[in-house]
Amino acid sequence: MQIGNAVINDETDLRGMYDYLASHALISDQTANKINKYCDFSPNATKQPKECTDAADAAAKDTYYIDIFNIYASSCVSSNLTAKPKKASVS
């Protein structure tokens, strides 16, 4: 038995990811519309048109610095962060 969040269906998972990004305003409406118009999410698709890859690249660029699995988390930019965990103390 395996436990985890495995990819179930490439077609619906990929389409769903772009719908999620668009519905949470993480990608522009224009990019989402191009993805829906030009991308073929069917399992038989072997090559995507340039319009699709350009739109997918734009979506990737828009979400590069965002943790798409936790979009509501604040960005941690504290200067108090260290590269290694600090040792625990009882005091």
PDB file of N, CA and C in Angstrom:
ATOM      1  N   MET A   1       0.841  -1.168   0.000  1.00  0.00           N
ATOM      2  CA  MET A   1       0.000   0.000   0.000  1.00  0.00           C
ATOM      3  C   MET A   1       0.892   1.238   0.000  1.00  0.00           C
ATOM      4  N   GLN A   2       0.510   2.198  -0.816  1.00  0.00           N
ATOM      5  CA  GLN A   2       1.241   3.456  -0.848  1.00  0.00           C
ATOM      6  C   GLN A   2       0.327   4.570  -0.361  1.00  0.00           C
ATOM      7  N   ILE A   3       0.922   5.493   0.334  1.00  0.00           N
ATOM      8  CA  ILE A   3       0.157   6.625   0.853  1.00  0.00           C
ATOM      9  C   ILE A   3       0.773   7.894   0.299  1.00  0.00           C
ATOM     10  N   GLY A   4      -0.072   8.810  -0.082  1.00  0.00           N
ATOM     11  CA  GLY A   4       0.434  10.076  -0.586  1.00  0.00           C
ATOM     12  C   GLY A   4      -0.571  10.719  -1.510  1.00  0.00           C
ATOM     13  N   ASN A   5      -0.163  11.808  -2.100  1.00  0.00           N
ATOM     14  CA  ASN A   5      -1.015  12.531  -3.020  1.00  0.00           C
ATOM     15  C   ASN A   5      -0.457  12.316  -4.419  1.00  0.00           C
ATOM     16  N   ALA A   6      -0.734  11.165  -4.974  1.00  0.00           N
ATOM     17  CA  ALA A   6      -0.167  10.797  -6.269  1.00  0.00           C
ATOM     18  C   ALA A   6      -0.933  11.462  -7.403  1.00  0.00           C
ATOM     19  N   VAL A   7      -0.280  11.515  -8.535  1.00  0.00           N
ATOM     20  CA  VAL A   7      -0.942  12.005  -9.740  1.00  0.00           C
ATOM     21  C   VAL A   7      -1.934  10.936 -10.169  1.00  0.00           C
ATOM     22  N   ILE A   8      -3.175  11.312 -10.273  1.00  0.00           N
ATOM     23  CA  ILE A   8      -4.220  10.363 -10.627  1.00  0.00           C
ATOM     24  C   ILE A   8      -4.453  10.367 -12.131  1.00  0.00           C
ATOM     25  N   ASN A   9      -4.557  11.560 -12.698  1.00  0.00           N
ATOM     26  CA  ASN A   9      -4.893  11.685 -14.106  1.00  0.00           C
ATOM     27  C   ASN A   9      -4.230  12.955 -14.625  1.00  0.00           C
ATOM     28  N   ASP A  10      -3.259  12.798 -15.490  1.00  0.00           N
ATOM     29  CA  ASP A  10      -2.513  13.959 -16.000  1.00  0.00           C
ATOM     30  C   ASP A  10      -3.438  15.005 -16.611  1.00  0.00           C
ATOM     31  N   GLU A  11      -4.420  14.548 -17.379  1.00  0.00           N
ATOM     32  CA  GLU A  11      -5.318  15.482 -18.061  1.00  0.00           C
ATOM     33  C   GLU A  11      -6.062  16.376 -17.073  1.00  0.00           C
ATOM     34  N   THR A  12      -6.734  15.772 -16.110  1.00  0.00           N
ATOM     35  CA  THR A  12      -7.515  16.576 -15.167  1.00  0.00           C
ATOM     36  C   THR A  12      -6.640  17.271 -14.134  1.00  0.00           C
ATOM     37  N   ASP A  13      -5.516  16.667 -13.756  1.00  0.00           N
ATOM     38  CA  ASP A  13      -4.630  17.297 -12.774  1.00  0.00           C
ATOM     39  C   ASP A  13      -4.017  18.582 -13.320  1.00  0.00           C
ATOM     40  N   LEU A  14      -3.543  18.538 -14.543  1.00  0.00           N
ATOM     41  CA  LEU A  14      -2.916  19.716 -15.136  1.00  0.00           C
ATOM     42  C   LEU A  14      -3.940  20.813 -15.405  1.00  0.00           C
ATOM     43  N   ARG A  15      -5.066  20.440 -15.985  1.00  0.00           N
ATOM     44  CA  ARG A  15      -6.132  21.413 -16.225  1.00  0.00           C
ATOM     45  C   ARG A  15      -6.599  22.007 -14.894  1.00  0.00           C
ATOM     46  N   GLY A  16      -6.753  21.162 -13.895  1.00  0.00           N
ATOM     47  CA  GLY A  16      -7.183  21.620 -12.573  1.00  0.00           C
ATOM     48  C   GLY A  16      -6.192  22.568 -11.932  1.00  0.00           C
ATOM     49  N   MET A  17      -4.903  22.320 -12.142  1.00  0.00           N
ATOM     50  CA  MET A  17      -3.888  23.216 -11.580  1.00  0.00           C
ATOM     51  C   MET A  17      -4.029  24.615 -12.174  1.00  0.00           C
ATOM     52  N   TYR A  18      -4.197  24.693 -13.491  1.00  0.00           N
ATOM     53  CA  TYR A  18      -4.346  26.007 -14.125  1.00  0.00           C
ATOM     54  C   TYR A  18      -5.659  26.673 -13.716  1.00  0.00           C
ATOM     55  N   ASP A  19      -6.724  25.910 -13.553  1.00  0.00           N
ATOM     56  CA  ASP A  19      -7.990  26.473 -13.061  1.00  0.00           C
ATOM     57  C   ASP A  19      -7.822  27.027 -11.650  1.00  0.00           C
ATOM     58  N   TYR A  20      -7.105  26.288 -10.812  1.00  0.00           N
ATOM     59  CA  TYR A  20      -6.825  26.721  -9.443  1.00  0.00           C
ATOM     60  C   TYR A  20      -6.032  28.025  -9.437  1.00  0.00           C
ATOM     61  N   LEU A  21      -4.981  28.076 -10.242  1.00  0.00           N
ATOM     62  CA  LEU A  21      -4.156  29.281 -10.303  1.00  0.00           C
ATOM     63  C   LEU A  21      -4.970  30.481 -10.776  1.00  0.00           C
ATOM     64  N   ALA A  22      -5.821  30.268 -11.767  1.00  0.00           N
ATOM     65  CA  ALA A  22      -6.643  31.361 -12.301  1.00  0.00           C
ATOM     66  C   ALA A  22      -7.704  31.785 -11.301  1.00  0.00           C
ATOM     67  N   SER A  23      -8.362  30.825 -10.658  1.00  0.00           N
ATOM     68  CA  SER A  23      -9.448  31.167  -9.737  1.00  0.00           C
ATOM     69  C   SER A  23      -8.950  31.839  -8.461  1.00  0.00           C
ATOM     70  N   HIS A  24      -7.663  31.709  -8.174  1.00  0.00           N
ATOM     71  CA  HIS A  24      -7.077  32.378  -7.018  1.00  0.00           C
ATOM     72  C   HIS A  24      -6.237  33.596  -7.425  1.00  0.00           C
ATOM     73  N   ALA A  25      -6.412  34.025  -8.674  1.00  0.00           N
ATOM     74  CA  ALA A  25      -5.751  35.224  -9.213  1.00  0.00           C
ATOM     75  C   ALA A  25      -4.230  35.142  -9.109  1.00  0.00           C
ATOM     76  N   LEU A  26      -3.690  33.947  -9.280  1.00  0.00           N
ATOM     77  CA  LEU A  26      -2.237  33.788  -9.263  1.00  0.00           C
ATOM     78  C   LEU A  26      -1.658  33.902 -10.667  1.00  0.00           C
ATOM     79  N   ILE A  27      -2.509  33.716 -11.668  1.00  0.00           N
ATOM     80  CA  ILE A  27      -2.133  33.981 -13.054  1.00  0.00           C
ATOM     81  C   ILE A  27      -3.197  34.905 -13.632  1.00  0.00           C
ATOM     82  N   SER A  28      -2.847  35.608 -14.676  1.00  0.00           N
ATOM     83  CA  SER A  28      -3.782  36.566 -15.261  1.00  0.00           C
ATOM     84  C   SER A  28      -4.918  35.852 -15.998  1.00  0.00           C
ATOM     85  N   ASP A  29      -6.021  36.561 -16.158  1.00  0.00           N
ATOM     86  CA  ASP A  29      -7.142  36.021 -16.929  1.00  0.00           C
ATOM     87  C   ASP A  29      -6.709  35.751 -18.366  1.00  0.00           C
ATOM     88  N   GLN A  30      -5.871  36.618 -18.887  1.00  0.00           N
ATOM     89  CA  GLN A  30      -5.385  36.465 -20.263  1.00  0.00           C
ATOM     90  C   GLN A  30      -4.592  35.158 -20.401  1.00  0.00           C
ATOM     91  N   THR A  31      -3.715  34.891 -19.466  1.00  0.00           N
ATOM     92  CA  THR A  31      -2.935  33.653 -19.504  1.00  0.00           C
ATOM     93  C   THR A  31      -3.844  32.446 -19.370  1.00  0.00           C
ATOM     94  N   ALA A  32      -4.797  32.497 -18.438  1.00  0.00           N
ATOM     95  CA  ALA A  32      -5.718  31.381 -18.237  1.00  0.00           C
ATOM     96  C   ALA A  32      -6.550  31.130 -19.497  1.00  0.00           C
ATOM     97  N   ASN A  33      -7.008  32.200 -20.137  1.00  0.00           N
ATOM     98  CA  ASN A  33      -7.797  32.047 -21.357  1.00  0.00           C
ATOM     99  C   ASN A  33      -6.973  31.412 -22.475  1.00  0.00           C
ATOM    100  N   LYS A  34      -5.720  31.816 -22.593  1.00  0.00           N
ATOM    101  CA  LYS A  34      -4.852  31.225 -23.618  1.00  0.00           C
ATOM    102  C   LYS A  34      -4.603  29.749 -23.338  1.00  0.00           C
ATOM    103  N   ILE A  35      -4.404  29.401 -22.080  1.00  0.00           N
ATOM    104  CA  ILE A  35      -4.182  27.995 -21.722  1.00  0.00           C
ATOM    105  C   ILE A  35      -5.420  27.175 -22.084  1.00  0.00           C
ATOM    106  N   ASN A  36      -6.595  27.684 -21.731  1.00  0.00           N
ATOM    107  CA  ASN A  36      -7.829  26.958 -22.041  1.00  0.00           C
ATOM    108  C   ASN A  36      -8.087  26.873 -23.541  1.00  0.00           C
ATOM    109  N   LYS A  37      -7.664  27.882 -24.265  1.00  0.00           N
ATOM    110  CA  LYS A  37      -7.925  27.917 -25.711  1.00  0.00           C
ATOM    111  C   LYS A  37      -6.939  27.060 -26.507  1.00  0.00           C
ATOM    112  N   TYR A  38      -5.660  27.142 -26.163  1.00  0.00           N
ATOM    113  CA  TYR A  38      -4.636  26.534 -27.008  1.00  0.00           C
ATOM    114  C   TYR A  38      -4.067  25.207 -26.505  1.00  0.00           C
ATOM    115  N   CYS A  39      -4.194  24.907 -25.231  1.00  0.00           N
ATOM    116  CA  CYS A  39      -3.575  23.689 -24.703  1.00  0.00           C
ATOM    117  C   CYS A  39      -4.504  22.488 -24.855  1.00  0.00           C
ATOM    118  N   ASP A  40      -3.917  21.397 -25.267  1.00  0.00           N
ATOM    119  CA  ASP A  40      -4.651  20.137 -25.416  1.00  0.00           C
ATOM    120  C   ASP A  40      -4.261  19.245 -24.242  1.00  0.00           C
ATOM    121  N   PHE A  41      -5.196  19.046 -23.321  1.00  0.00           N
ATOM    122  CA  PHE A  41      -4.911  18.266 -22.115  1.00  0.00           C
ATOM    123  C   PHE A  41      -5.231  16.785 -22.277  1.00  0.00           C
ATOM    124  N   SER A  42      -5.593  16.377 -23.475  1.00  0.00           N
ATOM    125  CA  SER A  42      -5.952  14.972 -23.686  1.00  0.00           C
ATOM    126  C   SER A  42      -4.714  14.089 -23.573  1.00  0.00           C
ATOM    127  N   PRO A  43      -4.904  12.847 -23.176  1.00  0.00           N
ATOM    128  CA  PRO A  43      -3.758  11.943 -23.034  1.00  0.00           C
ATOM    129  C   PRO A  43      -3.075  11.643 -24.372  1.00  0.00           C
ATOM    130  N   ASN A  44      -3.755  11.924 -25.484  1.00  0.00           N
ATOM    131  CA  ASN A  44      -3.184  11.645 -26.798  1.00  0.00           C
ATOM    132  C   ASN A  44      -2.338  12.795 -27.333  1.00  0.00           C
ATOM    133  N   ALA A  45      -2.314  13.906 -26.640  1.00  0.00           N
ATOM    134  CA  ALA A  45      -1.553  15.070 -27.105  1.00  0.00           C
ATOM    135  C   ALA A  45      -0.064  14.768 -27.003  1.00  0.00           C
ATOM    136  N   THR A  46       0.629  14.966 -28.094  1.00  0.00           N
ATOM    137  CA  THR A  46       2.073  14.705 -28.099  1.00  0.00           C
ATOM    138  C   THR A  46       2.877  15.997 -28.095  1.00  0.00           C
ATOM    139  N   LYS A  47       2.370  17.015 -28.754  1.00  0.00           N
ATOM    140  CA  LYS A  47       3.079  18.286 -28.815  1.00  0.00           C
ATOM    141  C   LYS A  47       2.064  19.414 -28.700  1.00  0.00           C
ATOM    142  N   GLN A  48       2.403  20.406 -27.906  1.00  0.00           N
ATOM    143  CA  GLN A  48       1.518  21.548 -27.711  1.00  0.00           C
ATOM    144  C   GLN A  48       1.915  22.666 -28.674  1.00  0.00           C
ATOM    145  N   PRO A  49       0.926  23.463 -29.118  1.00  0.00           N
ATOM    146  CA  PRO A  49       1.261  24.600 -29.972  1.00  0.00           C
ATOM    147  C   PRO A  49       2.047  25.658 -29.188  1.00  0.00           C
ATOM    148  N   LYS A  50       2.743  26.507 -29.907  1.00  0.00           N
ATOM    149  CA  LYS A  50       3.562  27.552 -29.287  1.00  0.00           C
ATOM    150  C   LYS A  50       2.744  28.448 -28.367  1.00  0.00           C
ATOM    151  N   GLU A  51       1.504  28.749 -28.742  1.00  0.00           N
ATOM    152  CA  GLU A  51       0.641  29.599 -27.909  1.00  0.00           C
ATOM    153  C   GLU A  51       0.421  28.968 -26.536  1.00  0.00           C
ATOM    154  N   CYS A  52       0.294  27.652 -26.521  1.00  0.00           N
ATOM    155  CA  CYS A  52       0.107  26.942 -25.248  1.00  0.00           C
ATOM    156  C   CYS A  52       1.373  26.999 -24.409  1.00  0.00           C
ATOM    157  N   THR A  53       2.508  26.687 -25.020  1.00  0.00           N
ATOM    158  CA  THR A  53       3.758  26.688 -24.240  1.00  0.00           C
ATOM    159  C   THR A  53       4.111  28.095 -23.767  1.00  0.00           C
ATOM    160  N   ASP A  54       3.799  29.100 -24.580  1.00  0.00           N
ATOM    161  CA  ASP A  54       4.040  30.483 -24.146  1.00  0.00           C
ATOM    162  C   ASP A  54       3.169  30.833 -22.936  1.00  0.00           C
ATOM    163  N   ALA A  55       1.904  30.422 -22.977  1.00  0.00           N
ATOM    164  CA  ALA A  55       0.989  30.698 -21.858  1.00  0.00           C
ATOM    165  C   ALA A  55       1.410  29.921 -20.613  1.00  0.00           C
ATOM    166  N   ALA A  56       1.811  28.669 -20.779  1.00  0.00           N
ATOM    167  CA  ALA A  56       2.276  27.866 -19.637  1.00  0.00           C
ATOM    168  C   ALA A  56       3.547  28.478 -19.039  1.00  0.00           C
ATOM    169  N   ASP A  57       4.430  28.982 -19.898  1.00  0.00           N
ATOM    170  CA  ASP A  57       5.645  29.656 -19.407  1.00  0.00           C
ATOM    171  C   ASP A  57       5.286  30.922 -18.624  1.00  0.00           C
ATOM    172  N   ALA A  58       4.285  31.656 -19.111  1.00  0.00           N
ATOM    173  CA  ALA A  58       3.844  32.871 -18.404  1.00  0.00           C
ATOM    174  C   ALA A  58       3.268  32.507 -17.038  1.00  0.00           C
ATOM    175  N   ALA A  59       2.507  31.419 -16.975  1.00  0.00           N
ATOM    176  CA  ALA A  59       1.948  30.972 -15.691  1.00  0.00           C
ATOM    177  C   ALA A  59       3.071  30.565 -14.737  1.00  0.00           C
ATOM    178  N   ALA A  60       4.063  29.869 -15.248  1.00  0.00           N
ATOM    179  CA  ALA A  60       5.196  29.451 -14.415  1.00  0.00           C
ATOM    180  C   ALA A  60       5.966  30.667 -13.903  1.00  0.00           C
ATOM    181  N   LYS A  61       6.126  31.663 -14.755  1.00  0.00           N
ATOM    182  CA  LYS A  61       6.834  32.883 -14.355  1.00  0.00           C
ATOM    183  C   LYS A  61       6.047  33.634 -13.275  1.00  0.00           C
ATOM    184  N   ASP A  62       4.717  33.682 -13.444  1.00  0.00           N
ATOM    185  CA  ASP A  62       3.869  34.381 -12.468  1.00  0.00           C
ATOM    186  C   ASP A  62       3.867  33.704 -11.101  1.00  0.00           C
ATOM    187  N   THR A  63       4.064  32.407 -11.062  1.00  0.00           N
ATOM    188  CA  THR A  63       3.975  31.665  -9.800  1.00  0.00           C
ATOM    189  C   THR A  63       5.324  31.192  -9.288  1.00  0.00           C
ATOM    190  N   TYR A  64       6.405  31.655  -9.882  1.00  0.00           N
ATOM    191  CA  TYR A  64       7.741  31.165  -9.533  1.00  0.00           C
ATOM    192  C   TYR A  64       8.056  31.324  -8.042  1.00  0.00           C
ATOM    193  N   TYR A  65       7.717  32.457  -7.451  1.00  0.00           N
ATOM    194  CA  TYR A  65       8.071  32.727  -6.056  1.00  0.00           C
ATOM    195  C   TYR A  65       6.941  32.391  -5.085  1.00  0.00           C
ATOM    196  N   ILE A  66       5.919  31.713  -5.557  1.00  0.00           N
ATOM    197  CA  ILE A  66       4.764  31.406  -4.721  1.00  0.00           C
ATOM    198  C   ILE A  66       4.744  29.918  -4.408  1.00  0.00           C
ATOM    199  N   ASP A  67       4.495  29.583  -3.160  1.00  0.00           N
ATOM    200  CA  ASP A  67       4.282  28.192  -2.781  1.00  0.00           C
ATOM    201  C   ASP A  67       2.839  27.870  -3.152  1.00  0.00           C
ATOM    202  N   ILE A  68       2.619  27.215  -4.272  1.00  0.00           N
ATOM    203  CA  ILE A  68       1.255  26.991  -4.759  1.00  0.00           C
ATOM    204  C   ILE A  68       0.469  26.023  -3.869  1.00  0.00           C
ATOM    205  N   PHE A  69       1.140  25.336  -2.953  1.00  0.00           N
ATOM    206  CA  PHE A  69       0.450  24.439  -2.040  1.00  0.00           C
ATOM    207  C   PHE A  69       0.025  25.141  -0.754  1.00  0.00           C
ATOM    208  N   ASN A  70       0.461  26.376  -0.561  1.00  0.00           N
ATOM    209  CA  ASN A  70       0.103  27.145   0.625  1.00  0.00           C
ATOM    210  C   ASN A  70       0.110  28.627   0.256  1.00  0.00           C
ATOM    211  N   ILE A  71      -0.825  29.019  -0.597  1.00  0.00           N
ATOM    212  CA  ILE A  71      -0.805  30.377  -1.159  1.00  0.00           C
ATOM    213  C   ILE A  71      -1.145  31.453  -0.153  1.00  0.00           C
ATOM    214  N   TYR A  72      -1.752  31.093   0.950  1.00  0.00           N
ATOM    215  CA  TYR A  72      -2.139  32.098   1.945  1.00  0.00           C
ATOM    216  C   TYR A  72      -1.091  32.303   3.025  1.00  0.00           C
ATOM    217  N   ALA A  73      -0.017  31.530   2.977  1.00  0.00           N
ATOM    218  CA  ALA A  73       1.052  31.699   3.961  1.00  0.00           C
ATOM    219  C   ALA A  73       1.803  32.986   3.676  1.00  0.00           C
ATOM    220  N   SER A  74       2.229  33.622   4.729  1.00  0.00           N
ATOM    221  CA  SER A  74       2.986  34.854   4.539  1.00  0.00           C
ATOM    222  C   SER A  74       4.400  34.517   4.068  1.00  0.00           C
ATOM    223  N   SER A  75       4.988  35.441   3.372  1.00  0.00           N
ATOM    224  CA  SER A  75       6.374  35.271   2.956  1.00  0.00           C
ATOM    225  C   SER A  75       7.257  35.566   4.161  1.00  0.00           C
ATOM    226  N   CYS A  76       8.179  34.704   4.409  1.00  0.00           N
ATOM    227  CA  CYS A  76       9.061  34.884   5.552  1.00  0.00           C
ATOM    228  C   CYS A  76      10.360  35.512   5.059  1.00  0.00           C
ATOM    229  N   VAL A  77      10.526  36.774   5.356  1.00  0.00           N
ATOM    230  CA  VAL A  77      11.724  37.479   4.915  1.00  0.00           C
ATOM    231  C   VAL A  77      12.490  38.055   6.100  1.00  0.00           C
ATOM    232  N   SER A  78      12.375  37.412   7.231  1.00  0.00           N
ATOM    233  CA  SER A  78      13.011  37.902   8.448  1.00  0.00           C
ATOM    234  C   SER A  78      14.532  37.776   8.363  1.00  0.00           C
ATOM    235  N   SER A  79      15.223  38.785   8.827  1.00  0.00           N
ATOM    236  CA  SER A  79      16.689  38.736   8.859  1.00  0.00           C
ATOM    237  C   SER A  79      17.178  37.877  10.027  1.00  0.00           C
ATOM    238  N   ASN A  80      16.272  37.431  10.895  1.00  0.00           N
ATOM    239  CA  ASN A  80      16.646  36.585  12.034  1.00  0.00           C
ATOM    240  C   ASN A  80      16.750  35.110  11.664  1.00  0.00           C
ATOM    241  N   LEU A  81      16.465  34.764  10.429  1.00  0.00           N
ATOM    242  CA  LEU A  81      16.538  33.366  10.007  1.00  0.00           C
ATOM    243  C   LEU A  81      17.982  32.922   9.917  1.00  0.00           C
ATOM    244  N   THR A  82      18.207  31.672  10.229  1.00  0.00           N
ATOM    245  CA  THR A  82      19.546  31.116  10.143  1.00  0.00           C
ATOM    246  C   THR A  82      19.546  29.954   9.160  1.00  0.00           C
ATOM    247  N   ALA A  83      20.714  29.636   8.634  1.00  0.00           N
ATOM    248  CA  ALA A  83      20.825  28.530   7.689  1.00  0.00           C
ATOM    249  C   ALA A  83      20.620  27.191   8.395  1.00  0.00           C
ATOM    250  N   LYS A  84      21.062  27.109   9.649  1.00  0.00           N
ATOM    251  CA  LYS A  84      20.917  25.871  10.419  1.00  0.00           C
ATOM    252  C   LYS A  84      19.990  26.137  11.598  1.00  0.00           C
ATOM    253  N   PRO A  85      19.210  25.120  12.016  1.00  0.00           N
ATOM    254  CA  PRO A  85      18.336  25.316  13.166  1.00  0.00           C
ATOM    255  C   PRO A  85      19.128  25.666  14.418  1.00  0.00           C
ATOM    256  N   LYS A  86      18.548  26.504  15.256  1.00  0.00           N
ATOM    257  CA  LYS A  86      19.192  26.855  16.524  1.00  0.00           C
ATOM    258  C   LYS A  86      18.961  25.720  17.517  1.00  0.00           C
ATOM    259  N   LYS A  87      19.880  25.585  18.461  1.00  0.00           N
ATOM    260  CA  LYS A  87      19.732  24.525  19.481  1.00  0.00           C
ATOM    261  C   LYS A  87      18.616  24.898  20.435  1.00  0.00           C
ATOM    262  N   ALA A  88      17.839  23.892  20.803  1.00  0.00           N
ATOM    263  CA  ALA A  88      16.733  24.101  21.730  1.00  0.00           C
ATOM    264  C   ALA A  88      17.263  24.409  23.127  1.00  0.00           C
ATOM    265  N   SER A  89      16.499  25.178  23.856  1.00  0.00           N
ATOM    266  CA  SER A  89      16.895  25.548  25.211  1.00  0.00           C
ATOM    267  C   SER A  89      15.683  25.435  26.124  1.00  0.00           C
ATOM    268  N   VAL A  90      15.926  25.028  27.359  1.00  0.00           N
ATOM    269  CA  VAL A  90      14.846  24.914  28.317  1.00  0.00           C
ATOM    270  C   VAL A  90      14.530  26.274  28.932  1.00  0.00           C
ATOM    271  N   SER A  91      15.482  27.157  28.904  1.00  0.00           N
ATOM    272  CA  SER A  91      15.278  28.456  29.530  1.00  0.00           C
ATOM    273  C   SER A  91      14.667  29.425  28.615  1.00  0.00           C
TER     274      SER A  91
END
